[in-house]
Amino acid sequence: MQRLAIFDLDNTLVDRQGPLTDWVSEFSSQYALNDLDRADLLQLVHARVYPSAFEAIRAQYGLAPSAEALWRDYCVYMARSVTCPADVLEGLSTLRRTGWKVAIATNGTTEIQTAKVAMSGIVAHVDAVCASEAAGVRKPEVAMFEKAAATCGADIALGGWMIGDGVDTDIRGGRAAGLRTIWISGSRTWPGGEVAPDHVAPDVRQAIDLLLSTVS
């Protein structure tokens, strides 16, 4: 098996939910949204946000700024707010120094996902970043994992690892693509089913340590 590690981004390498909750609070205060509106907004953006969502947000709350302006403000806020722990960045670099190809496979728009990777410093510690908008496919589609591998000069047919917090997008999708998998549990319990991860780690640093101790 080649030494290929494909990582998810949101809630794997960076915490998305904390900054997202903070953005909802700041946005709600800025536009005088009530508690019910705030809860509805958080639910709307919880899983994933695209520019089109801000057309609906603007209309629902009667906001003056354009949807494009709201989207760009959101991108700037999230990009400057997400962080990647220093020990995780060090772990990614160690993987590369020891012969691993390291890629990111993330669902979302190219604009915001690449901004997060740049602002958090991750971009200097990985070989490639593959965002679903640019790739034209999304996890858990096998083609997404194939493209992520290809972006760093690897061949998914030779095997590798997928590391992420998503049950369907990362673990079941990764297994369908022929990859071994590490599920970032974040203290959750695996929901079961026919497909299970090869390993479970509470956080990505421990997942990296597991990879470093694995002989491919």
N, C-alpha and C. Protein backbone atom coordinates (compact mmCIF):
# COMPACT_ATOMS: atom_id res chain seq x y z
N MET A 1 0.84 -1.20 0.00
CA MET A 1 0.00 0.00 0.00
C MET A 1 0.88 1.25 0.00
N GLN A 2 0.58 2.18 -0.90
CA GLN A 2 1.33 3.43 -0.92
C GLN A 2 1.03 4.25 0.35
N ARG A 3 1.92 5.15 0.66
CA ARG A 3 1.71 6.01 1.83
C ARG A 3 0.94 7.25 1.39
N LEU A 4 -0.38 7.12 1.38
CA LEU A 4 -1.27 8.20 1.00
C LEU A 4 -2.25 8.44 2.15
N ALA A 5 -2.32 9.68 2.60
CA ALA A 5 -3.27 10.06 3.65
C ALA A 5 -4.14 11.20 3.12
N ILE A 6 -5.44 10.96 3.03
CA ILE A 6 -6.39 11.98 2.61
C ILE A 6 -7.19 12.40 3.84
N PHE A 7 -7.17 13.69 4.14
CA PHE A 7 -7.84 14.21 5.33
C PHE A 7 -9.07 15.04 4.93
N ASP A 8 -10.12 14.90 5.72
CA ASP A 8 -11.23 15.84 5.67
C ASP A 8 -10.74 17.15 6.29
N LEU A 9 -11.45 18.24 6.01
CA LEU A 9 -11.05 19.54 6.58
C LEU A 9 -11.90 19.93 7.78
N ASP A 10 -13.19 20.20 7.56
CA ASP A 10 -14.05 20.73 8.62
C ASP A 10 -14.33 19.70 9.70
N ASN A 11 -14.07 20.10 10.94
CA ASN A 11 -14.27 19.26 12.13
C ASN A 11 -13.37 18.03 12.14
N THR A 12 -12.32 18.09 11.30
CA THR A 12 -11.25 17.09 11.35
C THR A 12 -9.93 17.83 11.57
N LEU A 13 -9.47 18.58 10.57
CA LEU A 13 -8.25 19.37 10.73
C LEU A 13 -8.53 20.71 11.40
N VAL A 14 -9.71 21.26 11.17
CA VAL A 14 -10.10 22.51 11.83
C VAL A 14 -11.48 22.35 12.44
N ASP A 15 -11.74 23.10 13.50
CA ASP A 15 -13.06 23.12 14.11
C ASP A 15 -13.93 24.10 13.34
N ARG A 16 -15.00 23.62 12.75
CA ARG A 16 -15.93 24.50 12.04
C ARG A 16 -17.07 24.95 12.94
N GLN A 17 -17.55 24.09 13.81
CA GLN A 17 -18.77 24.38 14.56
C GLN A 17 -18.61 25.54 15.54
N GLY A 18 -17.45 25.62 16.19
CA GLY A 18 -17.24 26.72 17.13
C GLY A 18 -17.30 28.08 16.44
N PRO A 19 -16.46 28.29 15.40
CA PRO A 19 -16.53 29.56 14.66
C PRO A 19 -17.89 29.80 14.02
N LEU A 20 -18.55 28.75 13.58
CA LEU A 20 -19.86 28.92 12.95
C LEU A 20 -20.88 29.44 13.96
N THR A 21 -20.88 28.88 15.16
CA THR A 21 -21.78 29.34 16.21
C THR A 21 -21.50 30.80 16.57
N ASP A 22 -20.21 31.15 16.61
CA ASP A 22 -19.83 32.53 16.90
C ASP A 22 -20.31 33.46 15.79
N TRP A 23 -20.20 33.00 14.53
CA TRP A 23 -20.66 33.84 13.41
C TRP A 23 -22.17 34.08 13.50
N VAL A 24 -22.92 33.02 13.82
CA VAL A 24 -24.37 33.17 13.94
C VAL A 24 -24.71 34.19 15.02
N SER A 25 -24.01 34.14 16.15
CA SER A 25 -24.26 35.09 17.23
C SER A 25 -23.95 36.52 16.79
N GLU A 26 -22.81 36.71 16.12
CA GLU A 26 -22.43 38.06 15.68
C GLU A 26 -23.38 38.56 14.60
N PHE A 27 -23.73 37.69 13.65
CA PHE A 27 -24.65 38.07 12.58
C PHE A 27 -26.02 38.44 13.15
N SER A 28 -26.49 37.66 14.12
CA SER A 28 -27.79 37.90 14.73
C SER A 28 -27.81 39.23 15.48
N SER A 29 -26.72 39.54 16.15
CA SER A 29 -26.64 40.82 16.86
C SER A 29 -26.59 41.98 15.88
N GLN A 30 -25.80 41.82 14.81
CA GLN A 30 -25.65 42.88 13.83
C GLN A 30 -26.98 43.24 13.16
N TYR A 31 -27.80 42.19 12.89
CA TYR A 31 -29.05 42.42 12.17
C TYR A 31 -30.29 42.29 13.07
N ALA A 32 -30.07 42.35 14.38
CA ALA A 32 -31.17 42.37 15.36
C ALA A 32 -32.14 41.21 15.19
N LEU A 33 -31.61 40.00 15.02
CA LEU A 33 -32.46 38.82 14.91
C LEU A 33 -32.85 38.35 16.31
N ASN A 34 -34.05 37.83 16.45
CA ASN A 34 -34.48 37.33 17.76
C ASN A 34 -33.96 35.91 17.98
N ASP A 35 -34.24 35.35 19.15
CA ASP A 35 -33.70 34.04 19.50
C ASP A 35 -34.20 32.94 18.56
N LEU A 36 -35.45 33.02 18.13
CA LEU A 36 -35.98 32.02 17.21
C LEU A 36 -35.29 32.12 15.85
N ASP A 37 -35.09 33.34 15.38
CA ASP A 37 -34.39 33.55 14.12
C ASP A 37 -32.96 33.01 14.20
N ARG A 38 -32.33 33.27 15.35
CA ARG A 38 -30.96 32.81 15.55
C ARG A 38 -30.87 31.29 15.48
N ALA A 39 -31.82 30.61 16.11
CA ALA A 39 -31.83 29.15 16.09
C ALA A 39 -32.08 28.63 14.67
N ASP A 40 -32.98 29.29 13.95
CA ASP A 40 -33.28 28.88 12.57
C ASP A 40 -32.05 29.07 11.68
N LEU A 41 -31.35 30.18 11.88
CA LEU A 41 -30.16 30.47 11.07
C LEU A 41 -29.07 29.44 11.33
N LEU A 42 -28.87 29.09 12.59
CA LEU A 42 -27.86 28.09 12.92
C LEU A 42 -28.18 26.75 12.28
N GLN A 43 -29.45 26.39 12.27
CA GLN A 43 -29.86 25.14 11.64
C GLN A 43 -29.61 25.19 10.14
N LEU A 44 -29.86 26.33 9.54
CA LEU A 44 -29.69 26.50 8.09
C LEU A 44 -28.25 26.32 7.65
N VAL A 45 -27.31 26.84 8.45
CA VAL A 45 -25.90 26.81 8.04
C VAL A 45 -25.12 25.68 8.69
N HIS A 46 -25.80 24.86 9.50
CA HIS A 46 -25.10 23.85 10.29
C HIS A 46 -24.25 22.90 9.45
N ALA A 47 -24.83 22.33 8.41
CA ALA A 47 -24.13 21.30 7.65
C ALA A 47 -23.16 21.89 6.63
N ARG A 48 -23.64 22.78 5.79
CA ARG A 48 -22.80 23.34 4.74
C ARG A 48 -23.45 24.61 4.22
N VAL A 49 -22.66 25.59 3.80
CA VAL A 49 -23.20 26.85 3.32
C VAL A 49 -22.66 27.14 1.92
N TYR A 50 -23.54 27.54 1.03
CA TYR A 50 -23.18 27.95 -0.32
C TYR A 50 -23.67 29.37 -0.54
N PRO A 51 -23.13 30.08 -1.55
CA PRO A 51 -23.57 31.46 -1.79
C PRO A 51 -25.07 31.60 -1.94
N SER A 52 -25.71 30.60 -2.56
CA SER A 52 -27.16 30.68 -2.78
C SER A 52 -27.95 30.76 -1.48
N ALA A 53 -27.37 30.22 -0.40
CA ALA A 53 -28.06 30.25 0.89
C ALA A 53 -28.30 31.68 1.36
N PHE A 54 -27.41 32.58 0.96
CA PHE A 54 -27.54 33.96 1.43
C PHE A 54 -28.63 34.73 0.69
N GLU A 55 -29.05 34.21 -0.44
CA GLU A 55 -30.25 34.78 -1.09
C GLU A 55 -31.46 34.52 -0.18
N ALA A 56 -31.55 33.28 0.31
CA ALA A 56 -32.66 32.93 1.20
C ALA A 56 -32.57 33.66 2.52
N ILE A 57 -31.36 33.76 3.08
CA ILE A 57 -31.17 34.46 4.36
C ILE A 57 -31.56 35.94 4.21
N ARG A 58 -31.12 36.56 3.14
CA ARG A 58 -31.43 37.97 2.90
C ARG A 58 -32.93 38.20 2.79
N ALA A 59 -33.60 37.31 2.05
CA ALA A 59 -35.05 37.46 1.86
C ALA A 59 -35.81 37.18 3.15
N GLN A 60 -35.38 36.14 3.88
CA GLN A 60 -36.11 35.74 5.09
C GLN A 60 -36.08 36.81 6.17
N TYR A 61 -34.93 37.50 6.29
CA TYR A 61 -34.79 38.48 7.37
C TYR A 61 -34.86 39.92 6.88
N GLY A 62 -35.15 40.11 5.60
CA GLY A 62 -35.32 41.46 5.06
C GLY A 62 -34.08 42.31 5.19
N LEU A 63 -32.92 41.76 4.83
CA LEU A 63 -31.65 42.46 5.02
C LEU A 63 -31.32 43.35 3.82
N ALA A 64 -30.66 44.46 4.09
CA ALA A 64 -30.32 45.42 3.04
C ALA A 64 -29.12 45.01 2.18
N PRO A 65 -28.04 44.48 2.78
CA PRO A 65 -26.88 44.11 1.95
C PRO A 65 -27.24 43.04 0.92
N SER A 66 -26.50 43.03 -0.18
CA SER A 66 -26.73 42.02 -1.21
C SER A 66 -26.33 40.65 -0.70
N ALA A 67 -26.86 39.61 -1.33
CA ALA A 67 -26.49 38.23 -0.96
C ALA A 67 -25.00 38.01 -1.16
N GLU A 68 -24.45 38.61 -2.21
CA GLU A 68 -23.01 38.46 -2.47
C GLU A 68 -22.19 39.08 -1.35
N ALA A 69 -22.62 40.27 -0.88
CA ALA A 69 -21.89 40.93 0.21
C ALA A 69 -21.97 40.11 1.50
N LEU A 70 -23.14 39.56 1.78
CA LEU A 70 -23.30 38.72 2.97
C LEU A 70 -22.42 37.49 2.89
N TRP A 71 -22.37 36.87 1.71
CA TRP A 71 -21.54 35.68 1.52
C TRP A 71 -20.06 36.01 1.73
N ARG A 72 -19.61 37.12 1.18
CA ARG A 72 -18.20 37.47 1.30
C ARG A 72 -17.84 37.80 2.75
N ASP A 73 -18.74 38.46 3.46
CA ASP A 73 -18.50 38.72 4.89
C ASP A 73 -18.40 37.42 5.66
N TYR A 74 -19.26 36.46 5.31
CA TYR A 74 -19.22 35.15 5.96
C TYR A 74 -17.88 34.46 5.69
N CYS A 75 -17.43 34.48 4.44
CA CYS A 75 -16.17 33.84 4.08
C CYS A 75 -15.00 34.44 4.85
N VAL A 76 -14.97 35.76 4.93
CA VAL A 76 -13.89 36.44 5.64
C VAL A 76 -13.90 36.06 7.11
N TYR A 77 -15.09 36.05 7.72
CA TYR A 77 -15.21 35.73 9.14
C TYR A 77 -14.72 34.30 9.40
N MET A 78 -15.21 33.35 8.63
CA MET A 78 -14.85 31.95 8.87
C MET A 78 -13.37 31.69 8.60
N ALA A 79 -12.85 32.27 7.54
CA ALA A 79 -11.44 32.04 7.21
C ALA A 79 -10.51 32.55 8.30
N ARG A 80 -10.85 33.68 8.89
CA ARG A 80 -9.97 34.24 9.93
C ARG A 80 -10.21 33.59 11.29
N SER A 81 -11.32 32.86 11.43
CA SER A 81 -11.67 32.29 12.73
C SER A 81 -11.23 30.85 12.92
N VAL A 82 -11.13 30.07 11.83
CA VAL A 82 -10.73 28.67 12.00
C VAL A 82 -9.23 28.59 12.25
N THR A 83 -8.85 27.66 13.10
CA THR A 83 -7.45 27.45 13.41
C THR A 83 -7.13 25.96 13.37
N CYS A 84 -5.87 25.66 13.16
CA CYS A 84 -5.41 24.27 13.22
C CYS A 84 -4.32 24.21 14.29
N PRO A 85 -4.47 23.32 15.28
CA PRO A 85 -3.49 23.25 16.36
C PRO A 85 -2.07 23.01 15.84
N ALA A 86 -1.10 23.59 16.53
CA ALA A 86 0.29 23.49 16.11
C ALA A 86 0.77 22.04 16.05
N ASP A 87 0.29 21.20 16.98
CA ASP A 87 0.75 19.82 16.97
C ASP A 87 0.18 19.04 15.78
N VAL A 88 -0.97 19.48 15.27
CA VAL A 88 -1.53 18.85 14.08
C VAL A 88 -0.73 19.26 12.84
N LEU A 89 -0.40 20.55 12.75
CA LEU A 89 0.44 21.01 11.64
C LEU A 89 1.79 20.28 11.64
N GLU A 90 2.35 20.12 12.82
CA GLU A 90 3.61 19.40 12.95
C GLU A 90 3.45 17.95 12.50
N GLY A 91 2.33 17.34 12.87
CA GLY A 91 2.08 15.96 12.47
C GLY A 91 1.95 15.80 10.97
N LEU A 92 1.27 16.74 10.31
CA LEU A 92 1.15 16.70 8.86
C LEU A 92 2.52 16.80 8.20
N SER A 93 3.35 17.69 8.70
CA SER A 93 4.69 17.84 8.15
C SER A 93 5.53 16.59 8.37
N THR A 94 5.36 15.96 9.52
CA THR A 94 6.10 14.73 9.81
C THR A 94 5.68 13.62 8.84
N LEU A 95 4.40 13.54 8.55
CA LEU A 95 3.95 12.56 7.57
C LEU A 95 4.67 12.76 6.24
N ARG A 96 4.73 13.98 5.78
CA ARG A 96 5.37 14.25 4.49
C ARG A 96 6.87 13.96 4.54
N ARG A 97 7.50 14.29 5.65
CA ARG A 97 8.95 14.04 5.77
C ARG A 97 9.26 12.55 5.76
N THR A 98 8.30 11.74 6.19
CA THR A 98 8.53 10.30 6.26
C THR A 98 7.96 9.57 5.05
N GLY A 99 7.68 10.33 3.99
CA GLY A 99 7.33 9.68 2.73
C GLY A 99 5.86 9.57 2.40
N TRP A 100 5.00 10.18 3.20
CA TRP A 100 3.58 10.15 2.91
C TRP A 100 3.19 11.26 1.95
N LYS A 101 2.26 10.96 1.06
CA LYS A 101 1.57 11.99 0.28
C LYS A 101 0.34 12.40 1.09
N VAL A 102 0.15 13.70 1.28
CA VAL A 102 -0.92 14.20 2.14
C VAL A 102 -1.83 15.13 1.34
N ALA A 103 -3.11 14.78 1.27
CA ALA A 103 -4.09 15.59 0.55
C ALA A 103 -5.29 15.88 1.44
N ILE A 104 -6.02 16.92 1.08
CA ILE A 104 -7.28 17.24 1.74
C ILE A 104 -8.40 17.05 0.73
N ALA A 105 -9.46 16.36 1.14
CA ALA A 105 -10.67 16.21 0.33
C ALA A 105 -11.81 16.80 1.13
N THR A 106 -12.37 17.91 0.64
CA THR A 106 -13.39 18.61 1.42
C THR A 106 -14.57 19.00 0.54
N ASN A 107 -15.76 18.78 1.04
CA ASN A 107 -16.94 19.28 0.36
C ASN A 107 -17.10 20.77 0.66
N GLY A 108 -17.56 21.52 -0.32
CA GLY A 108 -17.76 22.95 -0.12
C GLY A 108 -17.25 23.76 -1.29
N THR A 109 -17.47 25.06 -1.23
CA THR A 109 -17.02 25.92 -2.32
C THR A 109 -15.51 26.11 -2.26
N THR A 110 -14.91 26.26 -3.42
CA THR A 110 -13.47 26.43 -3.50
C THR A 110 -13.03 27.68 -2.75
N GLU A 111 -13.79 28.75 -2.88
CA GLU A 111 -13.41 30.04 -2.28
C GLU A 111 -13.22 29.94 -0.77
N ILE A 112 -14.20 29.43 -0.08
CA ILE A 112 -14.10 29.42 1.37
C ILE A 112 -13.18 28.32 1.89
N GLN A 113 -13.20 27.15 1.25
CA GLN A 113 -12.36 26.06 1.75
C GLN A 113 -10.88 26.36 1.57
N THR A 114 -10.51 26.92 0.42
CA THR A 114 -9.11 27.27 0.23
C THR A 114 -8.69 28.42 1.14
N ALA A 115 -9.62 29.34 1.43
CA ALA A 115 -9.31 30.43 2.36
C ALA A 115 -9.04 29.88 3.76
N LYS A 116 -9.84 28.92 4.19
CA LYS A 116 -9.62 28.31 5.51
C LYS A 116 -8.25 27.63 5.57
N VAL A 117 -7.93 26.88 4.52
CA VAL A 117 -6.66 26.16 4.49
C VAL A 117 -5.48 27.13 4.51
N ALA A 118 -5.63 28.26 3.80
CA ALA A 118 -4.56 29.25 3.77
C ALA A 118 -4.42 29.97 5.11
N MET A 119 -5.53 30.46 5.65
CA MET A 119 -5.48 31.26 6.88
C MET A 119 -5.07 30.45 8.10
N SER A 120 -5.40 29.17 8.09
CA SER A 120 -5.05 28.30 9.23
C SER A 120 -3.62 27.80 9.16
N GLY A 121 -2.95 28.03 8.01
CA GLY A 121 -1.57 27.58 7.85
C GLY A 121 -1.44 26.17 7.32
N ILE A 122 -2.54 25.49 7.11
CA ILE A 122 -2.49 24.09 6.67
C ILE A 122 -1.84 23.94 5.31
N VAL A 123 -2.08 24.91 4.42
CA VAL A 123 -1.63 24.78 3.04
C VAL A 123 -0.14 24.50 2.92
N ALA A 124 0.65 24.98 3.87
CA ALA A 124 2.10 24.76 3.82
C ALA A 124 2.51 23.38 4.31
N HIS A 125 1.54 22.61 4.81
CA HIS A 125 1.87 21.32 5.42
C HIS A 125 1.23 20.13 4.69
N VAL A 126 0.61 20.38 3.55
CA VAL A 126 0.00 19.30 2.77
C VAL A 126 0.46 19.42 1.32
N ASP A 127 0.26 18.34 0.57
CA ASP A 127 0.66 18.34 -0.84
C ASP A 127 -0.41 18.92 -1.75
N ALA A 128 -1.68 18.78 -1.38
CA ALA A 128 -2.75 19.22 -2.28
C ALA A 128 -4.05 19.40 -1.51
N VAL A 129 -4.91 20.26 -2.06
CA VAL A 129 -6.25 20.48 -1.51
C VAL A 129 -7.25 20.28 -2.64
N CYS A 130 -8.24 19.42 -2.40
CA CYS A 130 -9.26 19.13 -3.40
C CYS A 130 -10.62 19.49 -2.82
N ALA A 131 -11.22 20.58 -3.33
CA ALA A 131 -12.55 21.01 -2.88
C ALA A 131 -13.59 20.54 -3.88
N SER A 132 -14.74 20.17 -3.39
CA SER A 132 -15.75 19.53 -4.24
C SER A 132 -16.22 20.44 -5.38
N GLU A 133 -16.32 21.74 -5.13
CA GLU A 133 -16.79 22.63 -6.20
C GLU A 133 -15.86 22.58 -7.40
N ALA A 134 -14.56 22.65 -7.15
CA ALA A 134 -13.59 22.61 -8.24
C ALA A 134 -13.50 21.22 -8.86
N ALA A 135 -13.66 20.20 -8.03
CA ALA A 135 -13.56 18.83 -8.52
C ALA A 135 -14.77 18.40 -9.34
N GLY A 136 -15.91 19.03 -9.08
CA GLY A 136 -17.12 18.66 -9.79
C GLY A 136 -17.79 17.43 -9.25
N VAL A 137 -17.32 16.93 -8.13
CA VAL A 137 -17.91 15.77 -7.44
C VAL A 137 -17.80 16.02 -5.94
N ARG A 138 -18.55 15.25 -5.16
CA ARG A 138 -18.57 15.42 -3.71
C ARG A 138 -18.37 14.08 -3.01
N LYS A 139 -17.75 14.13 -1.84
CA LYS A 139 -17.77 12.94 -0.99
C LYS A 139 -19.23 12.64 -0.64
N PRO A 140 -19.66 11.41 -0.64
CA PRO A 140 -18.88 10.18 -0.66
C PRO A 140 -18.65 9.56 -2.04
N GLU A 141 -18.82 10.31 -3.13
CA GLU A 141 -18.59 9.74 -4.46
C GLU A 141 -17.13 9.30 -4.59
N VAL A 142 -16.93 8.12 -5.14
CA VAL A 142 -15.59 7.56 -5.28
C VAL A 142 -14.69 8.50 -6.09
N ALA A 143 -15.25 9.15 -7.09
CA ALA A 143 -14.45 10.05 -7.93
C ALA A 143 -13.80 11.16 -7.14
N MET A 144 -14.41 11.58 -6.04
CA MET A 144 -13.81 12.64 -5.22
C MET A 144 -12.50 12.16 -4.59
N PHE A 145 -12.49 10.95 -4.12
CA PHE A 145 -11.27 10.40 -3.51
C PHE A 145 -10.21 10.15 -4.59
N GLU A 146 -10.64 9.72 -5.76
CA GLU A 146 -9.71 9.52 -6.88
C GLU A 146 -9.04 10.84 -7.25
N LYS A 147 -9.83 11.92 -7.31
CA LYS A 147 -9.27 13.22 -7.68
C LYS A 147 -8.37 13.76 -6.60
N ALA A 148 -8.73 13.55 -5.34
CA ALA A 148 -7.87 14.02 -4.25
C ALA A 148 -6.51 13.32 -4.29
N ALA A 149 -6.52 12.03 -4.56
CA ALA A 149 -5.26 11.29 -4.67
C ALA A 149 -4.44 11.78 -5.84
N ALA A 150 -5.10 11.98 -6.98
CA ALA A 150 -4.40 12.41 -8.18
C ALA A 150 -3.76 13.78 -8.02
N THR A 151 -4.39 14.66 -7.22
CA THR A 151 -3.84 16.01 -7.05
C THR A 151 -2.47 16.01 -6.39
N CYS A 152 -2.15 14.95 -5.66
CA CYS A 152 -0.82 14.90 -5.04
C CYS A 152 0.04 13.80 -5.68
N GLY A 153 -0.33 13.39 -6.89
CA GLY A 153 0.48 12.44 -7.63
C GLY A 153 0.38 11.00 -7.18
N ALA A 154 -0.72 10.67 -6.52
CA ALA A 154 -0.91 9.29 -6.05
C ALA A 154 -1.98 8.59 -6.88
N ASP A 155 -1.98 7.29 -6.82
CA ASP A 155 -2.96 6.47 -7.53
C ASP A 155 -3.80 5.74 -6.50
N ILE A 156 -5.09 6.06 -6.44
CA ILE A 156 -5.94 5.48 -5.41
C ILE A 156 -6.03 3.96 -5.53
N ALA A 157 -5.75 3.43 -6.70
CA ALA A 157 -5.78 1.98 -6.89
C ALA A 157 -4.71 1.29 -6.07
N LEU A 158 -3.69 2.05 -5.64
CA LEU A 158 -2.61 1.47 -4.84
C LEU A 158 -2.89 1.56 -3.35
N GLY A 159 -4.07 2.07 -2.99
CA GLY A 159 -4.47 2.11 -1.59
C GLY A 159 -4.08 3.40 -0.89
N GLY A 160 -4.41 3.43 0.38
CA GLY A 160 -4.15 4.61 1.19
C GLY A 160 -5.15 4.72 2.32
N TRP A 161 -5.21 5.88 2.94
CA TRP A 161 -6.06 6.10 4.11
C TRP A 161 -6.93 7.33 3.91
N MET A 162 -8.16 7.28 4.43
CA MET A 162 -9.04 8.44 4.53
C MET A 162 -9.30 8.68 6.01
N ILE A 163 -9.11 9.94 6.42
CA ILE A 163 -9.26 10.31 7.83
C ILE A 163 -10.27 11.43 7.93
N GLY A 164 -11.35 11.21 8.68
CA GLY A 164 -12.35 12.26 8.80
C GLY A 164 -13.41 11.95 9.82
N ASP A 165 -14.25 12.96 10.09
CA ASP A 165 -15.30 12.81 11.10
C ASP A 165 -16.63 12.38 10.51
N GLY A 166 -16.77 12.42 9.18
CA GLY A 166 -18.04 12.11 8.54
C GLY A 166 -18.27 10.61 8.41
N VAL A 167 -19.38 10.14 8.95
CA VAL A 167 -19.69 8.70 8.88
C VAL A 167 -19.88 8.27 7.43
N ASP A 168 -20.73 8.98 6.71
CA ASP A 168 -21.01 8.62 5.32
C ASP A 168 -19.99 9.21 4.36
N THR A 169 -19.73 10.50 4.50
CA THR A 169 -18.86 11.17 3.53
C THR A 169 -17.42 10.67 3.59
N ASP A 170 -16.88 10.48 4.78
CA ASP A 170 -15.48 10.12 4.92
C ASP A 170 -15.23 8.62 5.06
N ILE A 171 -15.96 7.98 5.96
CA ILE A 171 -15.66 6.58 6.27
C ILE A 171 -16.30 5.62 5.27
N ARG A 172 -17.60 5.71 5.10
CA ARG A 172 -18.23 4.83 4.13
C ARG A 172 -17.79 5.16 2.71
N GLY A 173 -17.64 6.46 2.44
CA GLY A 173 -17.15 6.86 1.12
C GLY A 173 -15.72 6.39 0.89
N GLY A 174 -14.87 6.56 1.89
CA GLY A 174 -13.49 6.13 1.77
C GLY A 174 -13.36 4.63 1.57
N ARG A 175 -14.15 3.87 2.30
CA ARG A 175 -14.12 2.41 2.15
C ARG A 175 -14.58 2.01 0.75
N ALA A 176 -15.60 2.68 0.23
CA ALA A 176 -16.09 2.37 -1.12
C ALA A 176 -15.02 2.65 -2.17
N ALA A 177 -14.14 3.60 -1.86
CA ALA A 177 -13.06 3.94 -2.78
C ALA A 177 -11.83 3.03 -2.61
N GLY A 178 -11.93 2.07 -1.70
CA GLY A 178 -10.84 1.13 -1.50
C GLY A 178 -9.78 1.60 -0.52
N LEU A 179 -10.10 2.63 0.27
CA LEU A 179 -9.15 3.16 1.23
C LEU A 179 -9.39 2.57 2.62
N ARG A 180 -8.34 2.49 3.40
CA ARG A 180 -8.50 2.21 4.81
C ARG A 180 -8.92 3.51 5.49
N THR A 181 -9.54 3.42 6.65
CA THR A 181 -10.15 4.61 7.23
C THR A 181 -9.88 4.75 8.73
N ILE A 182 -9.81 6.02 9.14
CA ILE A 182 -9.77 6.36 10.56
C ILE A 182 -10.88 7.36 10.81
N TRP A 183 -11.78 7.02 11.70
CA TRP A 183 -12.89 7.91 12.04
C TRP A 183 -12.51 8.79 13.21
N ILE A 184 -12.66 10.10 13.05
CA ILE A 184 -12.44 11.04 14.14
C ILE A 184 -13.74 11.14 14.92
N SER A 185 -13.76 10.52 16.07
CA SER A 185 -15.03 10.33 16.78
C SER A 185 -15.48 11.56 17.56
N GLY A 186 -14.52 12.35 18.07
CA GLY A 186 -14.91 13.49 18.89
C GLY A 186 -15.81 13.07 20.05
N SER A 187 -15.53 11.93 20.64
CA SER A 187 -16.26 11.35 21.78
C SER A 187 -17.60 10.72 21.39
N ARG A 188 -17.91 10.66 20.09
CA ARG A 188 -19.14 10.01 19.65
C ARG A 188 -18.94 8.50 19.57
N THR A 189 -20.05 7.77 19.50
CA THR A 189 -20.01 6.31 19.33
C THR A 189 -20.34 5.99 17.88
N TRP A 190 -19.58 5.08 17.28
CA TRP A 190 -19.84 4.69 15.90
C TRP A 190 -21.27 4.17 15.78
N PRO A 191 -22.03 4.65 14.78
CA PRO A 191 -23.45 4.29 14.70
C PRO A 191 -23.74 2.88 14.24
N GLY A 192 -22.73 2.17 13.82
CA GLY A 192 -22.96 0.78 13.39
C GLY A 192 -23.26 0.68 11.90
N GLY A 193 -23.67 -0.50 11.49
CA GLY A 193 -23.92 -0.72 10.07
C GLY A 193 -22.92 -1.70 9.49
N GLU A 194 -23.08 -1.99 8.22
CA GLU A 194 -22.23 -2.99 7.58
C GLU A 194 -20.80 -2.51 7.40
N VAL A 195 -20.62 -1.21 7.23
CA VAL A 195 -19.28 -0.65 7.02
C VAL A 195 -18.82 0.03 8.30
N ALA A 196 -17.61 -0.29 8.72
CA ALA A 196 -17.04 0.30 9.93
C ALA A 196 -15.64 0.80 9.63
N PRO A 197 -15.15 1.79 10.38
CA PRO A 197 -13.78 2.28 10.16
C PRO A 197 -12.76 1.23 10.59
N ASP A 198 -11.58 1.31 10.00
CA ASP A 198 -10.50 0.41 10.43
C ASP A 198 -10.01 0.79 11.82
N HIS A 199 -10.03 2.08 12.11
CA HIS A 199 -9.62 2.56 13.43
C HIS A 199 -10.49 3.75 13.82
N VAL A 200 -10.57 4.00 15.12
CA VAL A 200 -11.28 5.16 15.65
C VAL A 200 -10.28 5.95 16.50
N ALA A 201 -10.24 7.25 16.28
CA ALA A 201 -9.38 8.14 17.08
C ALA A 201 -10.22 9.30 17.58
N PRO A 202 -10.00 9.76 18.80
CA PRO A 202 -10.79 10.87 19.33
C PRO A 202 -10.51 12.19 18.66
N ASP A 203 -9.29 12.35 18.11
CA ASP A 203 -8.94 13.60 17.43
C ASP A 203 -7.92 13.30 16.34
N VAL A 204 -7.68 14.29 15.50
CA VAL A 204 -6.84 14.05 14.32
C VAL A 204 -5.38 13.87 14.68
N ARG A 205 -4.89 14.48 15.75
CA ARG A 205 -3.50 14.28 16.11
C ARG A 205 -3.24 12.82 16.46
N GLN A 206 -4.17 12.20 17.17
CA GLN A 206 -4.00 10.79 17.49
C GLN A 206 -4.12 9.92 16.24
N ALA A 207 -4.93 10.37 15.28
CA ALA A 207 -5.02 9.65 14.01
C ALA A 207 -3.69 9.72 13.26
N ILE A 208 -3.07 10.90 13.28
CA ILE A 208 -1.77 11.05 12.63
C ILE A 208 -0.73 10.16 13.28
N ASP A 209 -0.73 10.11 14.61
CA ASP A 209 0.21 9.24 15.32
C ASP A 209 0.01 7.79 14.94
N LEU A 210 -1.24 7.39 14.74
CA LEU A 210 -1.53 6.03 14.31
C LEU A 210 -0.95 5.77 12.92
N LEU A 211 -1.10 6.72 12.01
CA LEU A 211 -0.53 6.57 10.68
C LEU A 211 0.99 6.45 10.74
N LEU A 212 1.60 7.28 11.58
CA LEU A 212 3.05 7.28 11.68
C LEU A 212 3.60 5.97 12.24
N SER A 213 2.76 5.27 12.99
CA SER A 213 3.19 3.98 13.56
C SER A 213 2.81 2.82 12.67
N THR A 214 2.16 3.11 11.54
CA THR A 214 1.69 2.07 10.63
C THR A 214 2.70 1.88 9.51
N VAL A 215 3.06 0.65 9.27
CA VAL A 215 3.93 0.32 8.15
C VAL A 215 3.07 0.04 6.95
N SER A 216 3.18 0.87 5.92
CA SER A 216 2.35 0.70 4.73
C SER A 216 2.81 -0.51 3.94
